[in-house]
């Protein structure tokens, strides 16, 4: 980033707003972080009623925040739930299947960010085929 000269500092005394500006939205202890992981933050946008990404998994943990709308979120072993604008979600990554991330509403889009810790040399997202879904159906809530 280029150096930018601060002009605000000369005009205003230092603020104490930083003391209360931080709100913790979620804390988690991921089961693992892939050695040598790189971090990627993406913006996902689905139109009204879109079912989202087909069942998939991530090579490492993923942490998300819904910006607008409502997302249906379902991880293997957990019932589907709705995550609304201003709410967070996370998934451990690895072998866990992420079944749903679609738009819960048919009248407005959903937008969310996801920050993933990706395993080097692996895709950040791998689709799960129908055969594996059938083999693991007893793990779905």
N, C-alpha and C. Protein backbone atom coordinates (compact mmCIF):
# COMPACT_ATOMS: atom_id res chain seq x y z
N UNK A 1 0.84 -1.18 0.00
CA UNK A 1 0.00 0.00 0.00
C UNK A 1 0.88 1.24 0.00
N UNK A 2 0.43 2.26 -0.70
CA UNK A 2 1.22 3.50 -0.68
C UNK A 2 1.05 4.21 0.65
N UNK A 3 2.06 5.00 0.99
CA UNK A 3 1.97 5.79 2.21
C UNK A 3 0.95 6.90 2.00
N UNK A 4 0.10 7.10 2.98
CA UNK A 4 -0.89 8.16 2.92
C UNK A 4 -0.70 9.03 4.15
N UNK A 5 -0.56 10.31 3.90
CA UNK A 5 -0.38 11.24 5.00
C UNK A 5 -1.72 11.46 5.69
N UNK A 6 -1.74 11.35 6.98
CA UNK A 6 -2.96 11.55 7.75
C UNK A 6 -3.22 13.03 7.92
N UNK A 7 -4.40 13.44 7.50
CA UNK A 7 -4.79 14.83 7.73
C UNK A 7 -5.75 14.93 8.90
N UNK A 8 -6.41 13.81 9.22
CA UNK A 8 -7.39 13.81 10.30
C UNK A 8 -6.72 13.98 11.66
N UNK A 9 -5.54 13.44 11.84
CA UNK A 9 -4.86 13.47 13.14
C UNK A 9 -4.56 14.90 13.59
N UNK A 10 -4.27 15.79 12.65
CA UNK A 10 -3.96 17.17 13.00
C UNK A 10 -5.21 17.95 13.39
N UNK A 11 -6.38 17.52 12.92
CA UNK A 11 -7.61 18.28 13.15
C UNK A 11 -8.38 17.83 14.38
N UNK A 12 -8.24 16.57 14.78
CA UNK A 12 -9.06 16.05 15.87
C UNK A 12 -8.19 15.37 16.92
N UNK A 13 -8.62 15.50 18.19
CA UNK A 13 -7.89 14.76 19.22
C UNK A 13 -8.11 13.26 19.01
N UNK A 14 -7.23 12.46 19.55
CA UNK A 14 -7.37 11.00 19.44
C UNK A 14 -8.70 10.55 20.01
N UNK A 15 -9.31 9.59 19.34
CA UNK A 15 -10.60 9.06 19.76
C UNK A 15 -10.40 7.86 20.67
N UNK A 16 -11.35 7.64 21.55
CA UNK A 16 -11.37 6.44 22.37
C UNK A 16 -12.40 5.44 21.86
N UNK A 17 -13.00 5.71 20.70
CA UNK A 17 -14.03 4.84 20.14
C UNK A 17 -13.51 3.42 19.91
N UNK A 18 -12.22 3.27 19.65
CA UNK A 18 -11.66 1.95 19.40
C UNK A 18 -11.87 1.02 20.58
N UNK A 19 -12.00 1.58 21.77
CA UNK A 19 -12.16 0.76 22.98
C UNK A 19 -13.47 -0.03 22.98
N UNK A 20 -14.50 0.50 22.31
CA UNK A 20 -15.80 -0.18 22.27
C UNK A 20 -16.22 -0.53 20.84
N UNK A 21 -15.35 -0.33 19.87
CA UNK A 21 -15.69 -0.55 18.46
C UNK A 21 -15.70 -2.03 18.09
N UNK A 22 -15.07 -2.87 18.86
CA UNK A 22 -14.92 -4.28 18.54
C UNK A 22 -16.05 -5.10 19.16
N UNK A 23 -16.69 -5.92 18.34
CA UNK A 23 -17.71 -6.86 18.81
C UNK A 23 -17.29 -8.24 18.34
N UNK A 24 -17.13 -9.18 19.24
CA UNK A 24 -16.78 -10.55 18.87
C UNK A 24 -18.04 -11.22 18.33
N UNK A 25 -17.99 -11.69 17.09
CA UNK A 25 -19.14 -12.34 16.47
C UNK A 25 -19.10 -13.85 16.62
N UNK A 26 -17.92 -14.42 16.64
CA UNK A 26 -17.80 -15.86 16.85
C UNK A 26 -16.39 -16.19 17.28
N UNK A 27 -16.28 -17.27 18.03
CA UNK A 27 -14.98 -17.82 18.39
C UNK A 27 -15.10 -19.32 18.17
N UNK A 28 -14.05 -19.92 17.67
CA UNK A 28 -14.08 -21.36 17.41
C UNK A 28 -12.67 -21.90 17.53
N UNK A 29 -12.59 -23.17 17.90
CA UNK A 29 -11.32 -23.86 17.89
C UNK A 29 -11.40 -24.91 16.80
N UNK A 30 -10.88 -24.58 15.60
CA UNK A 30 -10.95 -25.55 14.52
C UNK A 30 -10.17 -26.81 14.88
N UNK A 31 -10.63 -27.97 14.39
CA UNK A 31 -9.97 -29.22 14.73
C UNK A 31 -8.55 -29.31 14.17
N UNK A 32 -8.30 -28.62 13.07
CA UNK A 32 -6.96 -28.64 12.50
C UNK A 32 -6.81 -27.44 11.56
N UNK A 33 -5.60 -27.04 11.36
CA UNK A 33 -5.26 -26.07 10.33
C UNK A 33 -4.22 -26.75 9.47
N UNK A 34 -4.49 -26.87 8.16
CA UNK A 34 -3.53 -27.57 7.30
C UNK A 34 -2.15 -26.92 7.38
N UNK A 35 -1.09 -27.74 7.48
CA UNK A 35 0.27 -27.17 7.50
C UNK A 35 0.51 -26.34 6.25
N UNK A 36 1.08 -25.17 6.42
CA UNK A 36 1.38 -24.30 5.28
C UNK A 36 0.14 -23.68 4.66
N UNK A 37 -0.96 -23.65 5.39
CA UNK A 37 -2.22 -23.15 4.84
C UNK A 37 -2.09 -21.73 4.33
N UNK A 38 -2.87 -21.44 3.30
CA UNK A 38 -3.00 -20.05 2.88
C UNK A 38 -4.45 -19.65 3.12
N UNK A 39 -4.67 -18.37 3.34
CA UNK A 39 -5.99 -17.87 3.68
C UNK A 39 -6.59 -17.17 2.46
N UNK A 40 -7.87 -17.45 2.25
CA UNK A 40 -8.59 -16.86 1.13
C UNK A 40 -9.94 -16.36 1.66
N UNK A 41 -10.30 -15.13 1.32
CA UNK A 41 -11.62 -14.60 1.65
C UNK A 41 -12.36 -14.37 0.35
N UNK A 42 -13.58 -14.92 0.27
CA UNK A 42 -14.39 -14.79 -0.94
C UNK A 42 -15.74 -14.17 -0.61
N UNK A 43 -16.35 -13.57 -1.60
CA UNK A 43 -17.71 -13.06 -1.50
C UNK A 43 -18.58 -13.98 -2.35
N UNK A 44 -19.65 -14.50 -1.74
CA UNK A 44 -20.58 -15.39 -2.44
C UNK A 44 -21.91 -14.66 -2.55
N UNK A 45 -22.49 -14.68 -3.76
CA UNK A 45 -23.77 -14.02 -4.01
C UNK A 45 -24.67 -14.98 -4.79
N UNK A 46 -25.84 -15.32 -4.20
CA UNK A 46 -26.81 -16.17 -4.88
C UNK A 46 -28.09 -15.38 -5.09
N UNK A 47 -28.70 -15.50 -6.27
CA UNK A 47 -29.95 -14.80 -6.54
C UNK A 47 -31.10 -15.41 -5.73
N UNK A 48 -32.25 -14.74 -5.70
CA UNK A 48 -33.40 -15.26 -4.97
C UNK A 48 -33.71 -16.71 -5.34
N UNK A 49 -33.94 -17.53 -4.31
CA UNK A 49 -34.33 -18.93 -4.50
C UNK A 49 -33.25 -19.87 -4.98
N UNK A 50 -32.03 -19.40 -5.17
CA UNK A 50 -30.96 -20.27 -5.69
C UNK A 50 -30.57 -21.31 -4.65
N UNK A 51 -30.44 -22.59 -5.07
CA UNK A 51 -30.10 -23.65 -4.11
C UNK A 51 -28.65 -23.60 -3.63
N UNK A 52 -27.80 -22.80 -4.26
CA UNK A 52 -26.42 -22.68 -3.80
C UNK A 52 -25.51 -23.75 -4.37
N UNK A 53 -24.36 -23.89 -3.75
CA UNK A 53 -23.34 -24.84 -4.18
C UNK A 53 -23.80 -26.26 -3.89
N UNK A 54 -23.59 -27.20 -4.83
CA UNK A 54 -23.92 -28.60 -4.53
C UNK A 54 -23.10 -29.09 -3.34
N UNK A 55 -23.47 -30.23 -2.73
CA UNK A 55 -22.70 -30.74 -1.60
C UNK A 55 -21.19 -30.76 -1.91
N UNK A 56 -20.41 -30.29 -0.93
CA UNK A 56 -18.98 -30.12 -1.14
C UNK A 56 -18.26 -30.18 0.20
N UNK A 57 -16.95 -30.05 0.14
CA UNK A 57 -16.12 -29.94 1.34
C UNK A 57 -14.98 -28.97 1.04
N UNK A 58 -14.39 -28.49 2.12
CA UNK A 58 -13.24 -27.59 2.02
C UNK A 58 -12.03 -28.26 2.65
N UNK A 59 -10.84 -27.93 2.16
CA UNK A 59 -9.62 -28.58 2.65
C UNK A 59 -9.21 -28.12 4.05
N UNK A 60 -9.78 -27.03 4.50
CA UNK A 60 -9.49 -26.53 5.85
C UNK A 60 -10.70 -25.80 6.39
N UNK A 61 -10.61 -25.26 7.60
CA UNK A 61 -11.75 -24.59 8.21
C UNK A 61 -12.16 -23.34 7.43
N UNK A 62 -13.45 -23.02 7.53
CA UNK A 62 -14.01 -21.85 6.84
C UNK A 62 -14.89 -21.09 7.82
N UNK A 63 -14.79 -19.76 7.78
CA UNK A 63 -15.53 -18.88 8.68
C UNK A 63 -16.29 -17.87 7.84
N UNK A 64 -17.60 -17.74 8.08
CA UNK A 64 -18.40 -16.87 7.24
C UNK A 64 -19.26 -15.88 7.99
N UNK A 65 -19.72 -14.88 7.24
CA UNK A 65 -20.56 -13.81 7.75
C UNK A 65 -21.58 -13.46 6.67
N UNK A 66 -22.86 -13.51 7.01
CA UNK A 66 -23.91 -13.17 6.05
C UNK A 66 -24.09 -11.65 6.05
N UNK A 67 -23.90 -11.07 4.86
CA UNK A 67 -24.02 -9.62 4.70
C UNK A 67 -25.46 -9.19 4.45
N UNK A 68 -26.15 -9.91 3.56
CA UNK A 68 -27.52 -9.58 3.17
C UNK A 68 -28.30 -10.86 2.95
N UNK A 69 -29.58 -10.86 3.30
CA UNK A 69 -30.45 -11.99 3.03
C UNK A 69 -30.35 -13.09 4.07
N UNK A 70 -30.69 -14.30 3.63
CA UNK A 70 -30.71 -15.47 4.51
C UNK A 70 -30.15 -16.67 3.77
N UNK A 71 -29.28 -17.43 4.43
CA UNK A 71 -28.68 -18.61 3.84
C UNK A 71 -29.15 -19.85 4.60
N UNK A 72 -29.47 -20.91 3.85
CA UNK A 72 -29.73 -22.21 4.48
C UNK A 72 -28.36 -22.87 4.63
N UNK A 73 -28.02 -23.25 5.84
CA UNK A 73 -26.69 -23.80 6.12
C UNK A 73 -26.85 -25.19 6.72
N UNK A 74 -26.20 -26.17 6.10
CA UNK A 74 -26.27 -27.54 6.62
C UNK A 74 -24.93 -28.23 6.48
N UNK A 75 -24.40 -28.66 7.61
CA UNK A 75 -23.18 -29.46 7.65
C UNK A 75 -23.52 -30.88 8.05
N UNK A 76 -22.70 -31.79 7.61
CA UNK A 76 -22.86 -33.19 7.97
C UNK A 76 -22.95 -33.34 9.48
N UNK A 77 -23.98 -34.07 9.93
CA UNK A 77 -24.16 -34.32 11.36
C UNK A 77 -24.95 -33.26 12.09
N UNK A 78 -25.34 -32.19 11.40
CA UNK A 78 -26.09 -31.10 12.02
C UNK A 78 -27.33 -30.79 11.19
N UNK A 79 -28.43 -30.47 11.85
CA UNK A 79 -29.63 -30.12 11.07
C UNK A 79 -29.43 -28.81 10.33
N UNK A 80 -30.14 -28.66 9.22
CA UNK A 80 -30.10 -27.41 8.47
C UNK A 80 -30.62 -26.27 9.35
N UNK A 81 -30.05 -25.10 9.17
CA UNK A 81 -30.51 -23.92 9.90
C UNK A 81 -30.43 -22.72 8.96
N UNK A 82 -31.06 -21.64 9.36
CA UNK A 82 -31.03 -20.41 8.57
C UNK A 82 -30.09 -19.44 9.25
N UNK A 83 -29.15 -18.90 8.48
CA UNK A 83 -28.21 -17.89 8.96
C UNK A 83 -28.61 -16.58 8.28
N UNK A 84 -28.94 -15.60 9.08
CA UNK A 84 -29.46 -14.33 8.57
C UNK A 84 -28.38 -13.25 8.53
N UNK A 85 -28.68 -12.18 7.80
CA UNK A 85 -27.76 -11.04 7.71
C UNK A 85 -27.31 -10.61 9.10
N UNK A 86 -25.99 -10.44 9.26
CA UNK A 86 -25.42 -10.05 10.54
C UNK A 86 -25.01 -11.23 11.40
N UNK A 87 -25.30 -12.45 10.95
CA UNK A 87 -24.94 -13.65 11.71
C UNK A 87 -23.75 -14.35 11.06
N UNK A 88 -23.09 -15.20 11.84
CA UNK A 88 -21.88 -15.88 11.40
C UNK A 88 -22.10 -17.38 11.35
N UNK A 89 -21.19 -18.06 10.66
CA UNK A 89 -21.18 -19.52 10.61
C UNK A 89 -19.74 -19.97 10.42
N UNK A 90 -19.49 -21.24 10.71
CA UNK A 90 -18.17 -21.79 10.44
C UNK A 90 -18.30 -23.28 10.21
N UNK A 91 -17.32 -23.83 9.54
CA UNK A 91 -17.27 -25.27 9.34
C UNK A 91 -15.83 -25.73 9.50
N UNK A 92 -15.64 -26.96 9.98
CA UNK A 92 -14.29 -27.42 10.28
C UNK A 92 -13.46 -27.75 9.06
N UNK A 93 -14.08 -28.03 7.93
CA UNK A 93 -13.32 -28.43 6.75
C UNK A 93 -12.87 -29.88 6.86
N UNK A 94 -11.95 -30.26 6.01
CA UNK A 94 -11.49 -31.65 6.00
C UNK A 94 -12.53 -32.57 5.39
N UNK A 95 -12.87 -33.64 6.09
CA UNK A 95 -13.75 -34.68 5.56
C UNK A 95 -15.24 -34.34 5.67
N UNK A 96 -15.60 -33.31 6.42
CA UNK A 96 -17.00 -32.97 6.67
C UNK A 96 -17.66 -32.44 5.40
N UNK A 97 -18.86 -32.96 5.09
CA UNK A 97 -19.59 -32.51 3.91
C UNK A 97 -20.45 -31.30 4.27
N UNK A 98 -20.39 -30.30 3.42
CA UNK A 98 -21.23 -29.10 3.53
C UNK A 98 -22.36 -29.30 2.51
N UNK A 99 -23.56 -29.63 3.02
CA UNK A 99 -24.68 -29.97 2.15
C UNK A 99 -25.37 -28.76 1.53
N UNK A 100 -25.57 -27.71 2.31
CA UNK A 100 -26.34 -26.58 1.80
C UNK A 100 -25.71 -25.25 2.18
N UNK A 101 -25.78 -24.31 1.22
CA UNK A 101 -25.42 -22.91 1.47
C UNK A 101 -26.27 -22.00 0.59
N UNK A 102 -27.48 -22.47 0.24
CA UNK A 102 -28.33 -21.76 -0.71
C UNK A 102 -29.11 -20.62 -0.09
N UNK A 103 -29.78 -19.90 -0.97
CA UNK A 103 -30.60 -18.77 -0.55
C UNK A 103 -31.90 -19.27 0.04
N UNK A 104 -32.20 -18.87 1.25
CA UNK A 104 -33.42 -19.28 1.93
C UNK A 104 -34.64 -18.50 1.45
N UNK A 105 -34.43 -17.40 0.74
CA UNK A 105 -35.52 -16.54 0.32
C UNK A 105 -35.67 -16.57 -1.19
N UNK A 106 -36.92 -16.44 -1.66
CA UNK A 106 -37.14 -16.40 -3.11
C UNK A 106 -37.45 -14.98 -3.58
N UNK A 107 -37.31 -14.00 -2.67
CA UNK A 107 -37.61 -12.62 -3.04
C UNK A 107 -36.40 -11.68 -2.99
N UNK A 108 -35.32 -12.10 -2.37
CA UNK A 108 -34.12 -11.25 -2.28
C UNK A 108 -32.87 -12.11 -2.44
N UNK A 109 -31.76 -11.51 -2.89
CA UNK A 109 -30.50 -12.25 -2.98
C UNK A 109 -29.92 -12.49 -1.58
N UNK A 110 -28.96 -13.41 -1.52
CA UNK A 110 -28.17 -13.60 -0.31
C UNK A 110 -26.71 -13.32 -0.68
N UNK A 111 -26.02 -12.63 0.22
CA UNK A 111 -24.59 -12.35 0.04
C UNK A 111 -23.89 -12.67 1.33
N UNK A 112 -22.78 -13.42 1.22
CA UNK A 112 -22.00 -13.72 2.41
C UNK A 112 -20.53 -13.81 2.06
N UNK A 113 -19.68 -13.55 3.06
CA UNK A 113 -18.25 -13.70 2.88
C UNK A 113 -17.82 -14.98 3.59
N UNK A 114 -16.78 -15.60 3.08
CA UNK A 114 -16.20 -16.78 3.70
C UNK A 114 -14.68 -16.62 3.68
N UNK A 115 -14.07 -16.80 4.84
CA UNK A 115 -12.60 -16.82 4.93
C UNK A 115 -12.20 -18.25 5.20
N UNK A 116 -11.39 -18.81 4.30
CA UNK A 116 -11.00 -20.22 4.37
C UNK A 116 -9.49 -20.35 4.57
N UNK A 117 -9.12 -21.33 5.38
CA UNK A 117 -7.72 -21.69 5.52
C UNK A 117 -7.52 -22.93 4.65
N UNK A 118 -6.93 -22.73 3.49
CA UNK A 118 -6.86 -23.76 2.46
C UNK A 118 -5.54 -24.54 2.54
N UNK A 119 -5.65 -25.82 2.27
CA UNK A 119 -4.47 -26.67 2.21
C UNK A 119 -3.72 -26.38 0.91
N UNK A 120 -2.41 -26.16 0.98
CA UNK A 120 -1.63 -25.84 -0.21
C UNK A 120 -1.77 -26.94 -1.28
N UNK A 121 -1.95 -26.53 -2.50
CA UNK A 121 -2.04 -27.47 -3.61
C UNK A 121 -3.39 -28.15 -3.76
N UNK A 122 -4.32 -27.88 -2.86
CA UNK A 122 -5.66 -28.48 -2.93
C UNK A 122 -6.66 -27.39 -3.32
N UNK A 123 -7.71 -27.77 -4.04
CA UNK A 123 -8.73 -26.77 -4.35
C UNK A 123 -9.43 -26.31 -3.07
N UNK A 124 -9.90 -25.08 -3.08
CA UNK A 124 -10.58 -24.57 -1.88
C UNK A 124 -11.94 -25.22 -1.70
N UNK A 125 -12.49 -25.81 -2.75
CA UNK A 125 -13.80 -26.45 -2.70
C UNK A 125 -13.79 -27.68 -3.60
N UNK A 126 -14.26 -28.81 -3.07
CA UNK A 126 -14.35 -30.05 -3.85
C UNK A 126 -15.78 -30.57 -3.76
N UNK A 127 -16.42 -30.75 -4.91
CA UNK A 127 -17.78 -31.29 -4.92
C UNK A 127 -17.78 -32.75 -4.51
N UNK A 128 -18.87 -33.19 -3.86
CA UNK A 128 -19.03 -34.56 -3.42
C UNK A 128 -19.98 -35.25 -4.39
N UNK A 129 -19.60 -36.42 -4.91
CA UNK A 129 -20.45 -37.09 -5.90
C UNK A 129 -21.61 -37.86 -5.24
N UNK A 130 -22.58 -38.24 -6.04
CA UNK A 130 -23.79 -38.93 -5.55
C UNK A 130 -23.46 -40.25 -4.85
N UNK A 131 -22.47 -40.96 -5.35
CA UNK A 131 -22.08 -42.24 -4.74
C UNK A 131 -21.61 -42.05 -3.29
N UNK A 132 -20.77 -41.04 -3.08
CA UNK A 132 -20.30 -40.78 -1.71
C UNK A 132 -21.45 -40.30 -0.82
N UNK A 133 -22.33 -39.46 -1.37
CA UNK A 133 -23.48 -39.00 -0.59
C UNK A 133 -24.32 -40.19 -0.13
N UNK A 134 -24.50 -41.17 -0.99
CA UNK A 134 -25.28 -42.36 -0.63
C UNK A 134 -24.56 -43.16 0.46
N UNK A 135 -23.25 -43.33 0.33
CA UNK A 135 -22.49 -44.07 1.34
C UNK A 135 -22.53 -43.42 2.71
N UNK A 136 -22.63 -42.11 2.74
CA UNK A 136 -22.56 -41.38 4.00
C UNK A 136 -23.91 -40.85 4.47
N UNK A 137 -24.99 -41.32 3.86
CA UNK A 137 -26.31 -40.76 4.17
C UNK A 137 -26.68 -40.90 5.65
N UNK A 138 -26.15 -41.90 6.33
CA UNK A 138 -26.45 -42.07 7.76
C UNK A 138 -25.79 -40.99 8.63
N UNK A 139 -24.84 -40.23 8.07
CA UNK A 139 -24.17 -39.16 8.81
C UNK A 139 -24.91 -37.82 8.70
N UNK A 140 -25.90 -37.79 7.79
CA UNK A 140 -26.66 -36.55 7.60
C UNK A 140 -27.76 -36.47 8.66
N UNK A 141 -27.91 -35.31 9.28
CA UNK A 141 -28.92 -35.14 10.35
C UNK A 141 -30.32 -35.18 9.77
